């Protein structure tokens, strides 16, 4: 376990630098810090999605979203791990088993859905919109991780990129699945 914070402010970042998990200091604009920041943002978005799922599952007993809720709660822990990975160059916590777990859940949900006939908008209900918000932040985290990998070749676990890529696909399917389970139709894009 890492250091425990006894104080929230340390003043060590007042000049635009921050510490990594390995003790090195880098600029707060460094691609590694940008990636860590977006991963943190994704974790917050997943937290809001979890609360939305709890509310929806509690309000409508027949929604059957408890399994999805449990898996997203697990993903939130893995995203925290992923942030930890990024804070120490060359460190790895995300495994092929984590990637496979997302693929398995994605396939399980997708089998209940009709094939897409058109683009869908991130709309329909607050729950669906929050799924898409988490998905779009996940995609941004993916782009930031790719940028970091291009900047510092070999310093990022390749499975991290696979995990975040599968997670964004999973969140898209979760949005569709939530619509199905809550009786909310998909909002289809209409050509101008």
Protein backbone atom coordinates (compact mmCIF):
# COMPACT_ATOMS: atom_id res chain seq x y z
CA UNK A 1 0.00 0.00 0.00
CA UNK A 2 1.26 3.47 -0.87
CA UNK A 3 1.66 6.51 1.31
CA UNK A 4 -1.30 7.62 3.39
CA UNK A 5 -2.24 11.28 3.20
CA UNK A 6 -2.35 12.98 6.57
CA UNK A 7 -2.68 16.43 5.00
CA UNK A 8 -4.64 17.29 1.89
CA UNK A 9 -2.49 20.23 0.85
CA UNK A 10 1.27 19.91 0.68
CA UNK A 11 2.23 22.99 -1.38
CA UNK A 12 4.56 20.78 -3.43
CA UNK A 13 2.52 21.39 -6.59
CA UNK A 14 2.42 25.17 -6.31
CA UNK A 15 5.00 25.61 -9.06
CA UNK A 16 3.22 23.46 -11.66
CA UNK A 17 4.76 20.08 -10.91
CA UNK A 18 3.37 16.95 -9.29
CA UNK A 19 4.78 13.70 -7.95
CA UNK A 20 4.47 10.29 -9.55
CA UNK A 21 4.12 7.05 -7.62
CA UNK A 22 7.81 6.32 -8.14
CA UNK A 23 8.87 9.60 -6.51
CA UNK A 24 9.75 11.47 -9.71
CA UNK A 25 8.25 14.89 -10.35
CA UNK A 26 6.81 16.02 -13.67
CA UNK A 27 4.93 19.01 -15.03
CA UNK A 28 1.20 18.96 -14.43
CA UNK A 29 0.81 19.26 -18.20
CA UNK A 30 2.90 16.11 -18.87
CA UNK A 31 1.05 13.52 -21.00
CA UNK A 32 1.20 11.06 -18.08
CA UNK A 33 -0.59 13.52 -15.79
CA UNK A 34 -3.11 14.31 -18.53
CA UNK A 35 -3.86 10.57 -18.83
CA UNK A 36 -4.12 10.13 -15.06
CA UNK A 37 -6.45 13.13 -14.89
CA UNK A 38 -8.84 11.78 -17.50
CA UNK A 39 -8.81 8.35 -15.85
CA UNK A 40 -9.76 10.07 -12.58
CA UNK A 41 -12.54 11.91 -14.41
CA UNK A 42 -13.75 8.57 -15.81
CA UNK A 43 -13.80 7.11 -12.30
CA UNK A 44 -16.00 9.99 -11.17
CA UNK A 45 -18.32 9.51 -14.15
CA UNK A 46 -18.59 5.80 -13.30
CA UNK A 47 -19.48 6.81 -9.73
CA UNK A 48 -22.38 8.92 -10.99
CA UNK A 49 -23.46 6.09 -13.30
CA UNK A 50 -23.40 3.64 -10.38
CA UNK A 51 -25.69 5.90 -8.37
CA UNK A 52 -28.04 6.30 -11.36
CA UNK A 53 -28.17 2.52 -11.74
CA UNK A 54 -28.91 2.07 -8.03
CA UNK A 55 -31.72 4.59 -8.26
CA UNK A 56 -33.20 3.05 -11.41
CA UNK A 57 -32.91 -0.52 -10.17
CA UNK A 58 -34.56 0.44 -6.88
CA UNK A 59 -37.38 2.37 -8.55
CA UNK A 60 -38.40 -0.32 -11.03
CA UNK A 61 -38.02 -3.85 -9.66
CA UNK A 62 -38.25 -5.47 -13.09
CA UNK A 63 -35.29 -3.63 -14.62
CA UNK A 64 -32.81 -6.44 -13.89
CA UNK A 65 -29.87 -4.03 -13.76
CA UNK A 66 -28.32 -5.44 -10.57
CA UNK A 67 -25.74 -7.54 -12.46
CA UNK A 68 -24.77 -4.58 -14.61
CA UNK A 69 -24.49 -2.41 -11.51
CA UNK A 70 -22.22 -4.95 -9.81
CA UNK A 71 -19.96 -5.24 -12.84
CA UNK A 72 -19.63 -1.45 -13.22
CA UNK A 73 -18.74 -1.23 -9.53
CA UNK A 74 -15.97 -3.74 -10.22
CA UNK A 75 -14.85 -1.68 -13.23
CA UNK A 76 -14.58 1.39 -11.02
CA UNK A 77 -12.02 -0.43 -8.88
CA UNK A 78 -10.10 -1.51 -11.99
CA UNK A 79 -10.09 2.08 -13.25
CA UNK A 80 -8.58 3.13 -9.93
CA UNK A 81 -5.94 0.42 -10.46
CA UNK A 82 -5.37 1.73 -13.97
CA UNK A 83 -4.71 5.21 -12.58
CA UNK A 84 -2.21 3.65 -10.19
CA UNK A 85 -0.50 1.93 -13.08
CA UNK A 86 -0.15 5.20 -14.92
CA UNK A 87 1.37 6.88 -11.86
CA UNK A 88 4.38 4.51 -11.99
CA UNK A 89 6.04 4.18 -15.41
CA UNK A 90 6.38 0.52 -16.36
CA UNK A 91 4.05 -0.73 -13.59
CA UNK A 92 1.25 -3.19 -14.48
CA UNK A 93 -1.94 -4.14 -12.63
CA UNK A 94 -4.41 -4.66 -15.49
CA UNK A 95 -4.29 -8.22 -16.82
CA UNK A 96 -5.71 -10.17 -19.73
CA UNK A 97 -8.31 -11.56 -17.30
CA UNK A 98 -9.60 -8.02 -16.71
CA UNK A 99 -9.92 -7.43 -20.46
CA UNK A 100 -11.66 -10.79 -20.93
CA UNK A 101 -14.13 -10.03 -18.12
CA UNK A 102 -15.27 -6.87 -19.91
CA UNK A 103 -15.60 -8.77 -23.20
CA UNK A 104 -17.68 -11.46 -21.50
CA UNK A 105 -20.04 -8.92 -19.93
CA UNK A 106 -20.27 -6.96 -23.17
CA UNK A 107 -21.22 -10.11 -25.12
CA UNK A 108 -23.78 -11.11 -22.47
CA UNK A 109 -25.58 -7.75 -22.70
CA UNK A 110 -25.27 -7.39 -26.46
CA UNK A 111 -27.11 -10.66 -27.11
CA UNK A 112 -30.31 -9.01 -25.80
CA UNK A 113 -30.07 -6.09 -28.24
CA UNK A 114 -31.18 -5.68 -31.82
CA UNK A 115 -28.44 -4.81 -34.33
CA UNK A 116 -27.97 -1.08 -34.80
CA UNK A 117 -29.78 0.28 -37.84
CA UNK A 118 -28.70 3.89 -37.36
CA UNK A 119 -26.55 6.12 -35.18
CA UNK A 120 -28.03 6.77 -31.76
CA UNK A 121 -27.78 9.93 -29.70
CA UNK A 122 -26.72 10.01 -26.04
CA UNK A 123 -30.25 10.69 -24.91
CA UNK A 124 -33.53 9.10 -23.82
CA UNK A 125 -33.17 9.25 -20.04
CA UNK A 126 -30.74 10.58 -17.48
CA UNK A 127 -29.42 7.04 -16.92
CA UNK A 128 -28.77 6.47 -20.63
CA UNK A 129 -27.16 9.89 -21.02
CA UNK A 130 -24.87 9.16 -18.05
CA UNK A 131 -23.80 5.87 -19.66
CA UNK A 132 -22.82 7.83 -22.74
CA UNK A 133 -21.07 10.51 -20.67
CA UNK A 134 -18.94 7.82 -19.04
CA UNK A 135 -18.32 6.25 -22.48
CA UNK A 136 -17.16 9.52 -24.03
CA UNK A 137 -14.83 10.24 -21.11
CA UNK A 138 -13.52 6.68 -21.44
CA UNK A 139 -12.75 7.36 -25.12
CA UNK A 140 -10.88 10.53 -24.16
CA UNK A 141 -8.89 8.55 -21.59
CA UNK A 142 -8.03 6.09 -24.34
CA UNK A 143 -6.75 8.91 -26.57
CA UNK A 144 -4.66 10.32 -23.70
CA UNK A 145 -3.17 6.90 -22.98
CA UNK A 146 -2.27 6.48 -26.66
CA UNK A 147 -0.63 9.91 -26.57
CA UNK A 148 1.38 8.87 -23.51
CA UNK A 149 2.40 5.60 -25.19
CA UNK A 150 3.63 7.57 -28.20
CA UNK A 151 5.59 9.94 -25.93
CA UNK A 152 7.07 7.27 -23.65
CA UNK A 153 7.27 4.01 -25.59
CA UNK A 154 7.24 0.94 -23.36
CA UNK A 155 6.25 2.78 -20.19
CA UNK A 156 2.56 1.81 -20.27
CA UNK A 157 1.08 -1.66 -19.91
CA UNK A 158 -0.37 -2.57 -23.35
CA UNK A 159 -3.30 -4.31 -21.63
CA UNK A 160 -4.28 -0.96 -20.13
CA UNK A 161 -5.12 0.29 -23.60
CA UNK A 162 -7.06 -2.90 -24.40
CA UNK A 163 -9.01 -2.62 -21.14
CA UNK A 164 -9.99 1.00 -21.64
CA UNK A 165 -10.96 0.31 -25.27
CA UNK A 166 -13.24 -2.59 -24.27
CA UNK A 167 -14.69 -0.58 -21.42
CA UNK A 168 -15.81 2.21 -23.76
CA UNK A 169 -17.49 -0.39 -26.00
CA UNK A 170 -19.10 -1.95 -22.94
CA UNK A 171 -20.48 1.41 -21.76
CA UNK A 172 -22.06 1.96 -25.19
CA UNK A 173 -23.78 -1.42 -24.91
CA UNK A 174 -24.79 -0.67 -21.31
CA UNK A 175 -26.54 2.50 -22.51
CA UNK A 176 -28.53 0.46 -25.03
CA UNK A 177 -29.24 -2.28 -22.49
CA UNK A 178 -30.47 0.24 -19.91
CA UNK A 179 -32.88 1.62 -22.50
CA UNK A 180 -34.16 -1.89 -23.21
CA UNK A 181 -34.58 -2.77 -19.53
CA UNK A 182 -36.26 0.53 -18.60
CA UNK A 183 -38.52 0.68 -21.67
CA UNK A 184 -36.87 3.79 -23.14
CA UNK A 185 -36.52 3.75 -26.91
CA UNK A 186 -33.28 4.75 -28.58
CA UNK A 187 -33.06 8.30 -29.87
CA UNK A 188 -31.96 7.90 -33.46
CA UNK A 189 -29.87 10.46 -35.28
CA UNK A 190 -31.81 12.22 -38.05
CA UNK A 191 -29.97 13.43 -41.10
CA UNK A 192 -30.14 17.22 -41.47
